[in-house]
Amino acid sequence: MSQFDVLLIGPDNDDRTHMTRALVAGGHRVSLASHGAATRTAQHRHDLVIVDLAGPQDPLRFIRSIATQKSHPPIVAVTEPGRAELASDALRLGAIDLVPRPICDGDLLAAVANAAELA
């Protein structure tokens, strides 16, 4: 698998730390942003954007804003148990894959590999 420059958008919590460690161990570069800093994708070209659907802000807004860019990176959404409608909306708006909670390193890295095939 090739190395990706990943933007991880989500709340600063244990899951974000876990995903960062797994992605770095998988050979990827990771930039972190809170939900409020999603516009960072316009400032730097990332190979992949991972949006955590948890948190107080509207994560679908970030997926929509990224997906409407002319040339945007693949988007992967991290989903919450029991939030099937939110996960469905994320896919409808442009996410290419979902990583369910509890987060498993294998699921996360498989989503990155799927994104690599589409890039």
Protein backbone atom coordinates (compact mmCIF):
# COMPACT_ATOMS: atom_id res chain seq x y z
CA MET A 1 0.00 0.00 0.00
CA SER A 2 1.29 3.48 -0.81
CA GLN A 3 1.76 6.17 1.79
CA PHE A 4 -1.14 8.62 2.05
CA ASP A 5 -1.29 12.16 3.36
CA VAL A 6 -4.41 11.87 5.54
CA LEU A 7 -6.47 14.68 7.03
CA LEU A 8 -8.33 13.40 10.10
CA ILE A 9 -11.27 15.64 11.05
CA GLY A 10 -12.98 15.07 14.37
CA PRO A 11 -13.10 15.79 18.06
CA ASP A 12 -9.89 15.50 20.06
CA ASN A 13 -10.57 12.25 21.88
CA ASP A 14 -9.22 8.73 22.43
CA ASP A 15 -10.62 7.52 19.09
CA ARG A 16 -8.72 10.22 17.20
CA THR A 17 -5.52 9.30 19.05
CA HIS A 18 -6.13 5.60 18.26
CA MET A 19 -6.75 6.29 14.55
CA THR A 20 -3.69 8.54 14.34
CA ARG A 21 -1.45 5.84 15.83
CA ALA A 22 -2.88 3.16 13.51
CA LEU A 23 -2.47 5.33 10.41
CA VAL A 24 1.12 6.31 11.31
CA ALA A 25 1.96 2.66 12.05
CA GLY A 26 0.52 1.86 8.60
CA GLY A 27 3.03 4.26 7.06
CA HIS A 28 0.76 7.25 6.49
CA ARG A 29 1.25 10.94 7.30
CA VAL A 30 -1.57 12.36 9.41
CA SER A 31 -2.75 15.95 9.84
CA LEU A 32 -5.35 16.61 12.52
CA ALA A 33 -8.18 19.12 12.42
CA SER A 34 -11.19 19.77 14.59
CA HIS A 35 -14.58 19.92 12.96
CA GLY A 36 -14.20 23.70 12.99
CA ALA A 37 -11.05 23.55 10.82
CA ALA A 38 -12.34 21.49 7.92
CA THR A 39 -11.54 24.28 5.48
CA ARG A 40 -7.93 23.18 5.80
CA THR A 41 -8.52 20.84 2.85
CA ALA A 42 -8.58 23.87 0.58
CA GLN A 43 -5.19 25.01 1.89
CA HIS A 44 -3.33 21.71 1.44
CA ARG A 45 -3.95 18.80 -0.88
CA HIS A 46 -4.55 15.60 1.07
CA ASP A 47 -4.78 12.13 -0.43
CA LEU A 48 -7.60 11.13 1.91
CA VAL A 49 -9.95 12.81 4.37
CA ILE A 50 -11.37 10.87 7.32
CA VAL A 51 -14.36 12.54 9.00
CA ASP A 52 -15.48 11.35 12.42
CA LEU A 53 -19.27 11.58 12.53
CA ALA A 54 -19.17 11.92 16.35
CA GLY A 55 -19.07 15.29 17.98
CA PRO A 56 -21.18 18.33 18.67
CA GLN A 57 -20.92 19.91 15.21
CA ASP A 58 -22.56 18.83 11.95
CA PRO A 59 -20.06 16.45 10.32
CA LEU A 60 -22.20 16.12 7.19
CA ARG A 61 -21.51 19.78 6.45
CA PHE A 62 -17.80 18.96 6.18
CA ILE A 63 -18.40 15.98 3.92
CA ARG A 64 -20.63 18.12 1.70
CA SER A 65 -18.10 20.96 1.51
CA ILE A 66 -15.21 18.62 0.67
CA ALA A 67 -17.18 16.55 -1.83
CA THR A 68 -18.29 19.62 -3.77
CA GLN A 69 -14.71 20.69 -4.51
CA LYS A 70 -13.81 20.15 -8.15
CA SER A 71 -10.97 17.75 -7.43
CA HIS A 72 -11.44 16.36 -3.95
CA PRO A 73 -9.75 13.53 -2.10
CA PRO A 74 -11.68 10.39 -1.17
CA ILE A 75 -13.67 10.73 2.05
CA VAL A 76 -14.07 8.02 4.69
CA ALA A 77 -16.56 8.46 7.55
CA VAL A 78 -16.21 6.99 11.04
CA THR A 79 -19.68 5.93 12.19
CA GLU A 80 -21.47 5.57 15.49
CA PRO A 81 -23.42 2.42 16.43
CA GLY A 82 -27.15 2.92 15.98
CA ARG A 83 -26.72 5.90 13.63
CA ALA A 84 -27.50 4.17 10.33
CA GLU A 85 -29.26 7.22 8.91
CA LEU A 86 -26.22 9.42 9.55
CA ALA A 87 -23.95 6.83 7.92
CA SER A 88 -26.29 6.60 4.94
CA ASP A 89 -26.31 10.38 4.59
CA ALA A 90 -22.49 10.43 4.67
CA LEU A 91 -22.37 7.96 1.77
CA ARG A 92 -25.02 9.87 -0.15
CA LEU A 93 -23.05 13.11 0.24
CA GLY A 94 -19.78 11.66 -1.01
CA ALA A 95 -18.07 9.40 1.51
CA ILE A 96 -16.67 6.32 -0.24
CA ASP A 97 -16.39 4.07 2.81
CA LEU A 98 -17.40 3.75 6.46
CA VAL A 99 -15.37 2.67 9.49
CA PRO A 100 -17.65 1.49 12.31
CA ARG A 101 -17.09 1.97 16.01
CA PRO A 102 -15.54 0.43 17.96
CA ILE A 103 -12.63 1.27 15.65
CA CYS A 104 -10.56 -1.70 14.56
CA ASP A 105 -7.15 -1.00 13.01
CA GLY A 106 -7.89 -3.54 10.27
CA ASP A 107 -11.14 -1.80 9.28
CA LEU A 108 -9.45 1.60 9.26
CA LEU A 109 -6.50 0.46 7.15
CA ALA A 110 -8.82 -1.45 4.79
CA ALA A 111 -10.77 1.78 4.20
CA VAL A 112 -7.48 3.55 3.41
CA ALA A 113 -6.55 0.76 1.00
CA ASN A 114 -9.96 1.06 -0.69
CA ALA A 115 -9.41 4.79 -1.06
CA ALA A 116 -5.98 4.14 -2.60
CA GLU A 117 -7.62 2.01 -5.29
CA LEU A 118 -9.99 4.86 -6.15
CA ALA A 119 -7.37 7.61 -6.10
